[in-house]
Amino acid sequence: AQDFLGHTWTYLVVKEQVTPLFSMLHLTVALPSGRSANLALPESATVEDLKVLANQSFGRCHLRLITSEDQVLTDLAASLRDAGLKDKDILTAVVPQVKVAATQKAFALWCLGGDSVAAWGDPNCGGDSSSV
């Protein structure tokens, strides 16, 4: 069978029941509005896999995932277990607020609480964010 990312997984049939050869984490991701999604991923999946699935489930992009212990999941390469997630955990998904600034010849875009800035336009008028 294939999972949500197209990975093929091997299953073991025991007494006419299909049992996966890996452990699954069942997680609930909720928006502040109360809308939620129940997600199941292999515990070896990464934080990035979880973010992709959450983004797809809510039809959003760039969701910020926060654990019930107020930990923001930022290490995309970490496995779900290494990120401290356990079966039946509940996470909050927050849509970062986007900000835009402009001069006559340049623009900048960033998300509040984020760690990057995108700028374009004349470098002499603010279009170069390499020092930020």
C-alpha atoms as a PDB file:
ATOM      1  CA  ALA A   1       0.000   0.000   0.000  1.00  0.00           C
ATOM      2  CA  GLN A   2       1.060   3.595  -0.481  1.00  0.00           C
ATOM      3  CA  ASP A   3       0.907   6.366   2.099  1.00  0.00           C
ATOM      4  CA  PHE A   4       0.015  10.038   1.606  1.00  0.00           C
ATOM      5  CA  LEU A   5       3.480  10.844   0.224  1.00  0.00           C
ATOM      6  CA  GLY A   6       3.500   7.947  -2.239  1.00  0.00           C
ATOM      7  CA  HIS A   7       5.870   5.829  -0.134  1.00  0.00           C
ATOM      8  CA  THR A   8       5.231   2.108  -0.410  1.00  0.00           C
ATOM      9  CA  TRP A   9       4.919   0.267   2.890  1.00  0.00           C
ATOM     10  CA  THR A  10       5.043  -3.450   3.611  1.00  0.00           C
ATOM     11  CA  TYR A  11       2.299  -4.952   5.718  1.00  0.00           C
ATOM     12  CA  LEU A  12       2.273  -8.217   7.627  1.00  0.00           C
ATOM     13  CA  VAL A  13      -0.871 -10.353   7.622  1.00  0.00           C
ATOM     14  CA  VAL A  14      -1.466 -12.048  10.993  1.00  0.00           C
ATOM     15  CA  LYS A  15      -4.649 -14.081  11.608  1.00  0.00           C
ATOM     16  CA  GLU A  16      -6.419 -12.332   8.727  1.00  0.00           C
ATOM     17  CA  GLN A  17      -5.610  -8.890  10.123  1.00  0.00           C
ATOM     18  CA  VAL A  18      -3.297  -6.489   8.349  1.00  0.00           C
ATOM     19  CA  THR A  19      -0.633  -5.236  10.748  1.00  0.00           C
ATOM     20  CA  PRO A  20       1.880  -2.618   9.613  1.00  0.00           C
ATOM     21  CA  LEU A  21       5.553  -3.370  10.225  1.00  0.00           C
ATOM     22  CA  PHE A  22       6.000   0.164  11.608  1.00  0.00           C
ATOM     23  CA  SER A  23       4.310   2.113  14.357  1.00  0.00           C
ATOM     24  CA  MET A  24       1.809   4.787  13.428  1.00  0.00           C
ATOM     25  CA  LEU A  25       1.270   8.037  15.284  1.00  0.00           C
ATOM     26  CA  HIS A  26      -2.299   9.303  15.335  1.00  0.00           C
ATOM     27  CA  LEU A  27      -2.221  13.071  15.698  1.00  0.00           C
ATOM     28  CA  THR A  28      -4.903  15.737  15.765  1.00  0.00           C
ATOM     29  CA  VAL A  29      -4.021  19.094  14.247  1.00  0.00           C
ATOM     30  CA  ALA A  30      -6.426  21.954  15.023  1.00  0.00           C
ATOM     31  CA  LEU A  31      -6.755  25.506  13.799  1.00  0.00           C
ATOM     32  CA  PRO A  32      -7.659  28.214  16.359  1.00  0.00           C
ATOM     33  CA  SER A  33     -11.105  28.325  14.702  1.00  0.00           C
ATOM     34  CA  GLY A  34     -11.761  24.814  16.035  1.00  0.00           C
ATOM     35  CA  ARG A  35     -11.517  23.079  12.661  1.00  0.00           C
ATOM     36  CA  SER A  36      -9.346  19.975  13.041  1.00  0.00           C
ATOM     37  CA  ALA A  37      -7.901  17.061  11.109  1.00  0.00           C
ATOM     38  CA  ASN A  38      -7.015  13.607  12.402  1.00  0.00           C
ATOM     39  CA  LEU A  39      -3.775  12.460  10.795  1.00  0.00           C
ATOM     40  CA  ALA A  40      -1.945   9.111  10.917  1.00  0.00           C
ATOM     41  CA  LEU A  41       1.719   8.950  10.003  1.00  0.00           C
ATOM     42  CA  PRO A  42       4.530   6.429  10.544  1.00  0.00           C
ATOM     43  CA  GLU A  43       6.580   7.441  13.588  1.00  0.00           C
ATOM     44  CA  SER A  44       9.602   7.518  11.278  1.00  0.00           C
ATOM     45  CA  ALA A  45       7.934  10.298   9.229  1.00  0.00           C
ATOM     46  CA  THR A  46       9.467  13.740   9.545  1.00  0.00           C
ATOM     47  CA  VAL A  47       8.099  17.049  10.775  1.00  0.00           C
ATOM     48  CA  GLU A  48       8.145  18.136   7.131  1.00  0.00           C
ATOM     49  CA  ASP A  49       5.890  15.164   6.224  1.00  0.00           C
ATOM     50  CA  LEU A  50       3.484  16.227   8.983  1.00  0.00           C
ATOM     51  CA  LYS A  51       3.473  19.849   7.786  1.00  0.00           C
ATOM     52  CA  VAL A  52       2.794  18.771   4.190  1.00  0.00           C
ATOM     53  CA  LEU A  53      -0.129  16.606   5.287  1.00  0.00           C
ATOM     54  CA  ALA A  54      -1.515  19.338   7.586  1.00  0.00           C
ATOM     55  CA  ASN A  55      -1.219  21.941   4.812  1.00  0.00           C
ATOM     56  CA  GLN A  56      -3.042  19.603   2.408  1.00  0.00           C
ATOM     57  CA  SER A  57      -5.731  18.775   4.968  1.00  0.00           C
ATOM     58  CA  PHE A  58      -6.568  22.436   5.574  1.00  0.00           C
ATOM     59  CA  GLY A  59      -5.926  23.705   2.041  1.00  0.00           C
ATOM     60  CA  ARG A  60      -3.317  26.131   3.389  1.00  0.00           C
ATOM     61  CA  CYS A  61       0.401  26.621   3.061  1.00  0.00           C
ATOM     62  CA  HIS A  62       3.087  27.602   5.521  1.00  0.00           C
ATOM     63  CA  LEU A  63       1.215  26.480   8.645  1.00  0.00           C
ATOM     64  CA  ARG A  64       3.192  26.743  11.867  1.00  0.00           C
ATOM     65  CA  LEU A  65       2.682  23.662  14.065  1.00  0.00           C
ATOM     66  CA  ILE A  66       2.772  24.038  17.850  1.00  0.00           C
ATOM     67  CA  THR A  67       2.692  21.191  20.367  1.00  0.00           C
ATOM     68  CA  SER A  68       0.576  21.148  23.529  1.00  0.00           C
ATOM     69  CA  GLU A  69       3.817  22.026  25.393  1.00  0.00           C
ATOM     70  CA  ASP A  70       4.082  25.272  23.339  1.00  0.00           C
ATOM     71  CA  GLN A  71       6.994  23.936  21.270  1.00  0.00           C
ATOM     72  CA  VAL A  72       7.050  25.236  17.694  1.00  0.00           C
ATOM     73  CA  LEU A  73       8.094  22.435  15.317  1.00  0.00           C
ATOM     74  CA  THR A  74      10.892  24.043  13.298  1.00  0.00           C
ATOM     75  CA  ASP A  75      13.307  21.171  12.565  1.00  0.00           C
ATOM     76  CA  LEU A  76      11.726  19.843   9.378  1.00  0.00           C
ATOM     77  CA  ALA A  77      14.203  16.953   9.094  1.00  0.00           C
ATOM     78  CA  ALA A  78      13.480  15.597  12.606  1.00  0.00           C
ATOM     79  CA  SER A  79      11.426  12.427  12.929  1.00  0.00           C
ATOM     80  CA  LEU A  80       8.105  12.823  14.709  1.00  0.00           C
ATOM     81  CA  ARG A  81       9.471  10.833  17.677  1.00  0.00           C
ATOM     82  CA  ASP A  82      12.642  12.968  17.816  1.00  0.00           C
ATOM     83  CA  ALA A  83      10.423  16.055  17.809  1.00  0.00           C
ATOM     84  CA  GLY A  84       8.805  14.692  20.989  1.00  0.00           C
ATOM     85  CA  LEU A  85       5.465  13.760  19.454  1.00  0.00           C
ATOM     86  CA  LYS A  86       3.509  10.835  20.867  1.00  0.00           C
ATOM     87  CA  ASP A  87       0.480   8.898  19.714  1.00  0.00           C
ATOM     88  CA  LYS A  88      -2.759  10.874  20.187  1.00  0.00           C
ATOM     89  CA  ASP A  89      -0.978  14.228  20.616  1.00  0.00           C
ATOM     90  CA  ILE A  90      -2.890  17.368  19.700  1.00  0.00           C
ATOM     91  CA  LEU A  91      -1.149  20.172  17.842  1.00  0.00           C
ATOM     92  CA  THR A  92      -2.262  23.679  16.979  1.00  0.00           C
ATOM     93  CA  ALA A  93      -1.749  24.941  13.426  1.00  0.00           C
ATOM     94  CA  VAL A  94      -1.336  28.692  13.087  1.00  0.00           C
ATOM     95  CA  VAL A  95      -1.302  30.648   9.846  1.00  0.00           C
ATOM     96  CA  PRO A  96       1.535  33.175  10.123  1.00  0.00           C
ATOM     97  CA  GLN A  97       0.569  36.790   9.488  1.00  0.00           C
ATOM     98  CA  VAL A  98       2.233  38.074   6.312  1.00  0.00           C
ATOM     99  CA  LYS A  99       3.611  41.615   6.183  1.00  0.00           C
ATOM    100  CA  VAL A 100       4.649  43.652   3.139  1.00  0.00           C
ATOM    101  CA  ALA A 101       6.733  46.808   2.998  1.00  0.00           C
ATOM    102  CA  ALA A 102       7.527  48.878  -0.067  1.00  0.00           C
ATOM    103  CA  THR A 103       9.524  51.824  -1.290  1.00  0.00           C
ATOM    104  CA  GLN A 104       9.214  53.351  -4.761  1.00  0.00           C
ATOM    105  CA  LYS A 105      11.673  50.809  -6.179  1.00  0.00           C
ATOM    106  CA  ALA A 106      11.656  47.772  -3.837  1.00  0.00           C
ATOM    107  CA  PHE A 107       9.408  45.420  -1.891  1.00  0.00           C
ATOM    108  CA  ALA A 108       9.880  43.122   1.101  1.00  0.00           C
ATOM    109  CA  LEU A 109       7.705  40.272   2.389  1.00  0.00           C
ATOM    110  CA  TRP A 110       7.953  38.413   5.712  1.00  0.00           C
ATOM    111  CA  CYS A 111       5.848  36.477   8.202  1.00  0.00           C
ATOM    112  CA  LEU A 112       5.609  37.680  11.795  1.00  0.00           C
ATOM    113  CA  GLY A 113       7.600  35.320  13.990  1.00  0.00           C
ATOM    114  CA  GLY A 114       9.343  33.914  10.933  1.00  0.00           C
ATOM    115  CA  ASP A 115      13.045  33.708  10.285  1.00  0.00           C
ATOM    116  CA  SER A 116      13.316  34.944   6.711  1.00  0.00           C
ATOM    117  CA  VAL A 117      12.610  37.975   4.550  1.00  0.00           C
ATOM    118  CA  ALA A 118      12.075  38.024   0.790  1.00  0.00           C
ATOM    119  CA  ALA A 119      12.996  41.274  -0.929  1.00  0.00           C
ATOM    120  CA  TRP A 120      13.122  42.290  -4.546  1.00  0.00           C
ATOM    121  CA  GLY A 121      13.706  45.443  -6.526  1.00  0.00           C
ATOM    122  CA  ASP A 122      16.504  47.990  -6.475  1.00  0.00           C
ATOM    123  CA  PRO A 123      19.137  46.927  -3.897  1.00  0.00           C
ATOM    124  CA  ASN A 124      19.902  50.573  -3.146  1.00  0.00           C
ATOM    125  CA  CYS A 125      16.251  51.182  -2.206  1.00  0.00           C
ATOM    126  CA  GLY A 126      15.669  48.186   0.077  1.00  0.00           C
ATOM    127  CA  GLY A 127      15.530  45.361  -2.485  1.00  0.00           C
ATOM    128  CA  ASP A 128      18.446  43.481  -0.869  1.00  0.00           C
ATOM    129  CA  SER A 129      17.634  41.537   2.322  1.00  0.00           C
ATOM    130  CA  SER A 130      20.897  39.566   2.482  1.00  0.00           C
ATOM    131  CA  SER A 131      21.997  41.365   5.683  1.00  0.00           C
ATOM    132  CA  VAL A 132      18.706  40.640   7.478  1.00  0.00           C
END
